[in-house]
Amino acid sequence: MGKLIYSAIASLDGYVEDRDGNFAWAAPDEEVHAFVNELERPVDTYLFGRRMYETMLYWETAHLDQSQPAVGRDFTEIWQAAKKIVYSRTLESVSSQRTRLERHFNVNEVRHIKATSERDVTVGGANLASQAIKGGLVDELQLFVVPVVVGGGKRWLPGDVHLDLQLLDLRRFAQGVAYLRYALNP
């Protein structure tokens, strides 16, 4: 049985994007990106909301970019090998391989995906992750804290839940990014 993991890159004040919807400040450097690749390597399936899918869709063709560094080429292979499920009521179709479109997030279906997966599953995007957290599906939180304060925007966690957490890992990177990994205690 795989775990459902919510991984995010957020500002020190807890936002995945600022008030204007920008998140360029969250772009990982090569050291952090290489670490992310190792975290993503065991993932079998990505669960995305529309906006996160549209952001991540770059990796479907990133291998065509000759200027892509080795760490980016590695992530491209990881992305392309994983299954992807996109939850959206507005998206007309998906344009990546190994991807299916679902109109509604179904807690029981995701519970089944976890139970039948031999590898981990990740949920991407704060809105979809909020639904998974509230549905009691998330087993682990992985947070990359970027040394910036943006003062508002989209929060990485829903504000109306209480979670008891157990710290599993803590890492510090050269550019000031901190990685925190927590298990959710039942």
C-alpha atoms as a PDB file:
ATOM      1  CA  MET A   1       0.000   0.000   0.000  1.00  0.00           C
ATOM      2  CA  GLY A   2       1.337   3.399  -0.975  1.00  0.00           C
ATOM      3  CA  LYS A   3       1.273   6.539   1.112  1.00  0.00           C
ATOM      4  CA  LEU A   4      -0.488   9.708   0.005  1.00  0.00           C
ATOM      5  CA  ILE A   5       2.000  12.552   0.292  1.00  0.00           C
ATOM      6  CA  TYR A   6       1.340  16.265   0.031  1.00  0.00           C
ATOM      7  CA  SER A   7       4.521  18.092  -0.915  1.00  0.00           C
ATOM      8  CA  ALA A   8       4.705  21.857  -1.333  1.00  0.00           C
ATOM      9  CA  ILE A   9       7.150  24.727  -1.637  1.00  0.00           C
ATOM     10  CA  ALA A  10       6.011  27.663   0.488  1.00  0.00           C
ATOM     11  CA  SER A  11       7.160  31.005   1.813  1.00  0.00           C
ATOM     12  CA  LEU A  12       8.197  31.334   5.444  1.00  0.00           C
ATOM     13  CA  ASP A  13       4.743  32.778   6.177  1.00  0.00           C
ATOM     14  CA  GLY A  14       3.029  29.720   4.673  1.00  0.00           C
ATOM     15  CA  TYR A  15       2.002  30.683   1.124  1.00  0.00           C
ATOM     16  CA  VAL A  16       2.488  28.680  -2.076  1.00  0.00           C
ATOM     17  CA  GLU A  17       1.770  31.754  -4.171  1.00  0.00           C
ATOM     18  CA  ASP A  18       1.560  35.459  -3.385  1.00  0.00           C
ATOM     19  CA  ARG A  19      -1.489  37.732  -3.629  1.00  0.00           C
ATOM     20  CA  ASP A  20      -0.934  38.151  -7.375  1.00  0.00           C
ATOM     21  CA  GLY A  21      -0.706  34.393  -7.974  1.00  0.00           C
ATOM     22  CA  ASN A  22       3.068  34.518  -8.478  1.00  0.00           C
ATOM     23  CA  PHE A  23       5.409  31.831  -7.222  1.00  0.00           C
ATOM     24  CA  ALA A  24       8.652  32.505  -9.128  1.00  0.00           C
ATOM     25  CA  TRP A  25      10.325  32.969  -5.735  1.00  0.00           C
ATOM     26  CA  ALA A  26       9.691  29.239  -5.103  1.00  0.00           C
ATOM     27  CA  ALA A  27      11.749  27.922  -8.041  1.00  0.00           C
ATOM     28  CA  PRO A  28      14.173  25.390  -6.567  1.00  0.00           C
ATOM     29  CA  ASP A  29      17.892  25.697  -7.190  1.00  0.00           C
ATOM     30  CA  GLU A  30      19.825  22.704  -8.485  1.00  0.00           C
ATOM     31  CA  GLU A  31      20.578  21.318  -5.007  1.00  0.00           C
ATOM     32  CA  VAL A  32      16.937  21.399  -3.914  1.00  0.00           C
ATOM     33  CA  HIS A  33      15.731  20.130  -7.292  1.00  0.00           C
ATOM     34  CA  ALA A  34      18.056  17.103  -7.069  1.00  0.00           C
ATOM     35  CA  PHE A  35      16.653  16.342  -3.603  1.00  0.00           C
ATOM     36  CA  VAL A  36      13.078  16.687  -4.917  1.00  0.00           C
ATOM     37  CA  ASN A  37      13.944  14.227  -7.688  1.00  0.00           C
ATOM     38  CA  GLU A  38      14.932  11.631  -5.089  1.00  0.00           C
ATOM     39  CA  LEU A  39      11.648  12.189  -3.233  1.00  0.00           C
ATOM     40  CA  GLU A  40       9.641  11.884  -6.458  1.00  0.00           C
ATOM     41  CA  ARG A  41      11.427   8.823  -7.837  1.00  0.00           C
ATOM     42  CA  PRO A  42       9.276   6.294  -5.863  1.00  0.00           C
ATOM     43  CA  VAL A  43       5.996   8.018  -6.813  1.00  0.00           C
ATOM     44  CA  ASP A  44       3.613   5.993  -8.947  1.00  0.00           C
ATOM     45  CA  THR A  45       0.766   8.483  -9.372  1.00  0.00           C
ATOM     46  CA  TYR A  46       0.364  12.257  -9.212  1.00  0.00           C
ATOM     47  CA  LEU A  47      -3.019  13.737  -8.258  1.00  0.00           C
ATOM     48  CA  PHE A  48      -3.357  17.289  -9.580  1.00  0.00           C
ATOM     49  CA  GLY A  49      -5.877  20.071  -9.665  1.00  0.00           C
ATOM     50  CA  ARG A  50      -6.167  21.962 -12.956  1.00  0.00           C
ATOM     51  CA  ARG A  51      -3.799  24.821 -12.127  1.00  0.00           C
ATOM     52  CA  MET A  52      -1.065  22.562 -10.768  1.00  0.00           C
ATOM     53  CA  TYR A  53      -1.407  20.270 -13.774  1.00  0.00           C
ATOM     54  CA  GLU A  54      -1.101  23.201 -16.156  1.00  0.00           C
ATOM     55  CA  THR A  55       2.034  24.350 -14.318  1.00  0.00           C
ATOM     56  CA  MET A  56       3.589  20.875 -14.288  1.00  0.00           C
ATOM     57  CA  LEU A  57       2.686  20.146 -17.911  1.00  0.00           C
ATOM     58  CA  TYR A  58       5.962  21.796 -18.899  1.00  0.00           C
ATOM     59  CA  TRP A  59       7.723  18.559 -17.900  1.00  0.00           C
ATOM     60  CA  GLU A  60       5.905  16.593 -20.602  1.00  0.00           C
ATOM     61  CA  THR A  61       8.124  18.220 -23.255  1.00  0.00           C
ATOM     62  CA  ALA A  62      11.021  19.568 -21.164  1.00  0.00           C
ATOM     63  CA  HIS A  63      13.320  16.947 -22.694  1.00  0.00           C
ATOM     64  CA  LEU A  64      13.125  18.922 -25.952  1.00  0.00           C
ATOM     65  CA  ASP A  65      14.755  21.942 -24.273  1.00  0.00           C
ATOM     66  CA  GLN A  66      18.470  21.557 -25.041  1.00  0.00           C
ATOM     67  CA  SER A  67      19.383  24.008 -22.271  1.00  0.00           C
ATOM     68  CA  GLN A  68      17.703  21.819 -19.628  1.00  0.00           C
ATOM     69  CA  PRO A  69      20.260  20.956 -16.912  1.00  0.00           C
ATOM     70  CA  ALA A  70      20.821  17.328 -15.922  1.00  0.00           C
ATOM     71  CA  VAL A  71      18.610  17.686 -12.845  1.00  0.00           C
ATOM     72  CA  GLY A  72      15.770  18.907 -15.057  1.00  0.00           C
ATOM     73  CA  ARG A  73      16.230  16.070 -17.549  1.00  0.00           C
ATOM     74  CA  ASP A  74      16.112  13.636 -14.627  1.00  0.00           C
ATOM     75  CA  PHE A  75      12.852  15.129 -13.352  1.00  0.00           C
ATOM     76  CA  THR A  76      11.400  15.000 -16.861  1.00  0.00           C
ATOM     77  CA  GLU A  77      11.913  11.228 -16.910  1.00  0.00           C
ATOM     78  CA  ILE A  78      10.350  10.893 -13.437  1.00  0.00           C
ATOM     79  CA  TRP A  79       7.325  12.988 -14.489  1.00  0.00           C
ATOM     80  CA  GLN A  80       6.796  11.104 -17.735  1.00  0.00           C
ATOM     81  CA  ALA A  81       7.003   7.684 -16.042  1.00  0.00           C
ATOM     82  CA  ALA A  82       4.329   8.476 -13.438  1.00  0.00           C
ATOM     83  CA  LYS A  83       0.585   8.153 -13.877  1.00  0.00           C
ATOM     84  CA  LYS A  84      -1.324  11.400 -13.512  1.00  0.00           C
ATOM     85  CA  ILE A  85      -4.933  12.072 -12.530  1.00  0.00           C
ATOM     86  CA  VAL A  86      -6.212  15.609 -13.047  1.00  0.00           C
ATOM     87  CA  TYR A  87      -9.313  16.750 -11.156  1.00  0.00           C
ATOM     88  CA  SER A  88     -11.076  19.587 -12.950  1.00  0.00           C
ATOM     89  CA  ARG A  89     -14.593  20.634 -13.843  1.00  0.00           C
ATOM     90  CA  THR A  90     -13.339  23.151 -16.420  1.00  0.00           C
ATOM     91  CA  LEU A  91     -10.444  21.506 -18.244  1.00  0.00           C
ATOM     92  CA  GLU A  92     -11.535  20.247 -21.664  1.00  0.00           C
ATOM     93  CA  SER A  93      -8.860  17.569 -22.042  1.00  0.00           C
ATOM     94  CA  VAL A  94      -5.379  16.543 -20.915  1.00  0.00           C
ATOM     95  CA  SER A  95      -2.366  16.639 -23.202  1.00  0.00           C
ATOM     96  CA  SER A  96       0.179  14.498 -21.373  1.00  0.00           C
ATOM     97  CA  GLN A  97       0.761  10.772 -21.609  1.00  0.00           C
ATOM     98  CA  ARG A  98      -0.348   8.431 -18.800  1.00  0.00           C
ATOM     99  CA  THR A  99      -2.949  11.001 -17.710  1.00  0.00           C
ATOM    100  CA  ARG A 100      -6.667  10.822 -17.096  1.00  0.00           C
ATOM    101  CA  LEU A 101      -9.173  13.545 -16.351  1.00  0.00           C
ATOM    102  CA  GLU A 102     -11.711  13.265 -13.537  1.00  0.00           C
ATOM    103  CA  ARG A 103     -14.456  15.827 -12.965  1.00  0.00           C
ATOM    104  CA  HIS A 104     -14.759  15.345  -9.193  1.00  0.00           C
ATOM    105  CA  PHE A 105     -12.396  14.435  -6.366  1.00  0.00           C
ATOM    106  CA  ASN A 106     -13.750  11.218  -4.883  1.00  0.00           C
ATOM    107  CA  VAL A 107     -12.374  10.320  -1.436  1.00  0.00           C
ATOM    108  CA  ASN A 108     -13.271   6.633  -1.800  1.00  0.00           C
ATOM    109  CA  GLU A 109     -11.610   6.394  -5.214  1.00  0.00           C
ATOM    110  CA  VAL A 110      -8.409   7.952  -3.870  1.00  0.00           C
ATOM    111  CA  ARG A 111      -8.527   5.638  -0.869  1.00  0.00           C
ATOM    112  CA  HIS A 112      -8.721   2.729  -3.353  1.00  0.00           C
ATOM    113  CA  ILE A 113      -5.788   4.116  -5.375  1.00  0.00           C
ATOM    114  CA  LYS A 114      -3.687   4.254  -2.195  1.00  0.00           C
ATOM    115  CA  ALA A 115      -4.723   0.765  -1.103  1.00  0.00           C
ATOM    116  CA  THR A 116      -3.880  -0.830  -4.453  1.00  0.00           C
ATOM    117  CA  SER A 117      -0.704   1.107  -5.216  1.00  0.00           C
ATOM    118  CA  GLU A 118       2.618  -0.549  -4.496  1.00  0.00           C
ATOM    119  CA  ARG A 119       4.303   2.863  -4.581  1.00  0.00           C
ATOM    120  CA  ASP A 120       3.543   6.303  -3.195  1.00  0.00           C
ATOM    121  CA  VAL A 121       0.941   8.727  -4.515  1.00  0.00           C
ATOM    122  CA  THR A 122       1.284  12.504  -4.280  1.00  0.00           C
ATOM    123  CA  VAL A 123      -1.297  15.237  -4.260  1.00  0.00           C
ATOM    124  CA  GLY A 124      -0.276  18.524  -5.856  1.00  0.00           C
ATOM    125  CA  GLY A 125      -1.877  21.890  -5.418  1.00  0.00           C
ATOM    126  CA  ALA A 126      -3.151  23.508  -2.238  1.00  0.00           C
ATOM    127  CA  ASN A 127      -6.854  23.301  -3.124  1.00  0.00           C
ATOM    128  CA  LEU A 128      -6.808  19.602  -4.028  1.00  0.00           C
ATOM    129  CA  ALA A 129      -4.537  18.832  -1.050  1.00  0.00           C
ATOM    130  CA  SER A 130      -7.040  20.576   1.209  1.00  0.00           C
ATOM    131  CA  GLN A 131      -9.741  18.163   0.028  1.00  0.00           C
ATOM    132  CA  ALA A 132      -7.434  15.184   0.586  1.00  0.00           C
ATOM    133  CA  ILE A 133      -6.461  16.407   4.071  1.00  0.00           C
ATOM    134  CA  LYS A 134     -10.082  17.009   5.063  1.00  0.00           C
ATOM    135  CA  GLY A 135     -10.937  13.556   3.670  1.00  0.00           C
ATOM    136  CA  GLY A 136      -8.372  11.960   5.992  1.00  0.00           C
ATOM    137  CA  LEU A 137      -6.324  10.635   3.067  1.00  0.00           C
ATOM    138  CA  VAL A 138      -2.931  12.317   3.539  1.00  0.00           C
ATOM    139  CA  ASP A 139      -0.299  10.250   5.329  1.00  0.00           C
ATOM    140  CA  GLU A 140       2.636  12.609   5.069  1.00  0.00           C
ATOM    141  CA  LEU A 141       3.402  16.305   4.575  1.00  0.00           C
ATOM    142  CA  GLN A 142       6.612  17.443   2.902  1.00  0.00           C
ATOM    143  CA  LEU A 143       7.297  21.167   3.026  1.00  0.00           C
ATOM    144  CA  PHE A 144      10.113  23.141   1.482  1.00  0.00           C
ATOM    145  CA  VAL A 145      10.259  26.504   3.260  1.00  0.00           C
ATOM    146  CA  VAL A 146      11.756  29.258   1.086  1.00  0.00           C
ATOM    147  CA  PRO A 147      13.422  32.163   2.921  1.00  0.00           C
ATOM    148  CA  VAL A 148      10.943  34.787   1.735  1.00  0.00           C
ATOM    149  CA  VAL A 149       7.875  36.396   3.292  1.00  0.00           C
ATOM    150  CA  VAL A 150       5.171  37.294   0.759  1.00  0.00           C
ATOM    151  CA  GLY A 151       2.539  38.697   3.121  1.00  0.00           C
ATOM    152  CA  GLY A 152      -0.498  36.893   1.730  1.00  0.00           C
ATOM    153  CA  GLY A 153      -1.824  34.744  -1.075  1.00  0.00           C
ATOM    154  CA  LYS A 154      -2.748  31.071  -1.268  1.00  0.00           C
ATOM    155  CA  ARG A 155      -1.940  29.163   1.928  1.00  0.00           C
ATOM    156  CA  TRP A 156      -0.280  25.778   1.665  1.00  0.00           C
ATOM    157  CA  LEU A 157      -2.591  24.241   4.303  1.00  0.00           C
ATOM    158  CA  PRO A 158      -6.301  24.714   4.901  1.00  0.00           C
ATOM    159  CA  GLY A 159      -7.029  27.005   7.848  1.00  0.00           C
ATOM    160  CA  ASP A 160      -9.893  24.993   9.275  1.00  0.00           C
ATOM    161  CA  VAL A 161      -8.212  21.700  10.228  1.00  0.00           C
ATOM    162  CA  HIS A 162      -6.302  20.443  13.239  1.00  0.00           C
ATOM    163  CA  LEU A 163      -3.428  18.071  12.472  1.00  0.00           C
ATOM    164  CA  ASP A 164      -1.172  16.290  14.952  1.00  0.00           C
ATOM    165  CA  LEU A 165       2.179  15.739  13.314  1.00  0.00           C
ATOM    166  CA  GLN A 166       5.337  13.762  13.955  1.00  0.00           C
ATOM    167  CA  LEU A 167       8.589  15.158  12.551  1.00  0.00           C
ATOM    168  CA  LEU A 168      10.285  12.513  10.370  1.00  0.00           C
ATOM    169  CA  ASP A 169      13.021  14.524   8.684  1.00  0.00           C
ATOM    170  CA  LEU A 170      14.557  17.979   8.613  1.00  0.00           C
ATOM    171  CA  ARG A 171      17.136  19.222   6.095  1.00  0.00           C
ATOM    172  CA  ARG A 172      18.774  22.512   5.381  1.00  0.00           C
ATOM    173  CA  PHE A 173      20.036  23.616   1.970  1.00  0.00           C
ATOM    174  CA  ALA A 174      22.791  26.075   1.046  1.00  0.00           C
ATOM    175  CA  GLN A 175      20.476  28.825  -0.259  1.00  0.00           C
ATOM    176  CA  GLY A 176      18.473  28.874   2.984  1.00  0.00           C
ATOM    177  CA  VAL A 177      15.638  26.512   2.019  1.00  0.00           C
ATOM    178  CA  ALA A 178      14.525  24.142   4.798  1.00  0.00           C
ATOM    179  CA  TYR A 179      12.812  20.801   4.221  1.00  0.00           C
ATOM    180  CA  LEU A 180      10.362  19.465   6.792  1.00  0.00           C
ATOM    181  CA  ARG A 181       8.775  16.034   6.564  1.00  0.00           C
ATOM    182  CA  TYR A 182       5.910  15.064   8.871  1.00  0.00           C
ATOM    183  CA  ALA A 183       3.734  12.023   9.372  1.00  0.00           C
ATOM    184  CA  LEU A 184       0.111  12.703  10.258  1.00  0.00           C
ATOM    185  CA  ASN A 185      -0.812  11.054  13.523  1.00  0.00           C
ATOM    186  CA  PRO A 186      -4.241   9.428  13.420  1.00  0.00           C
END
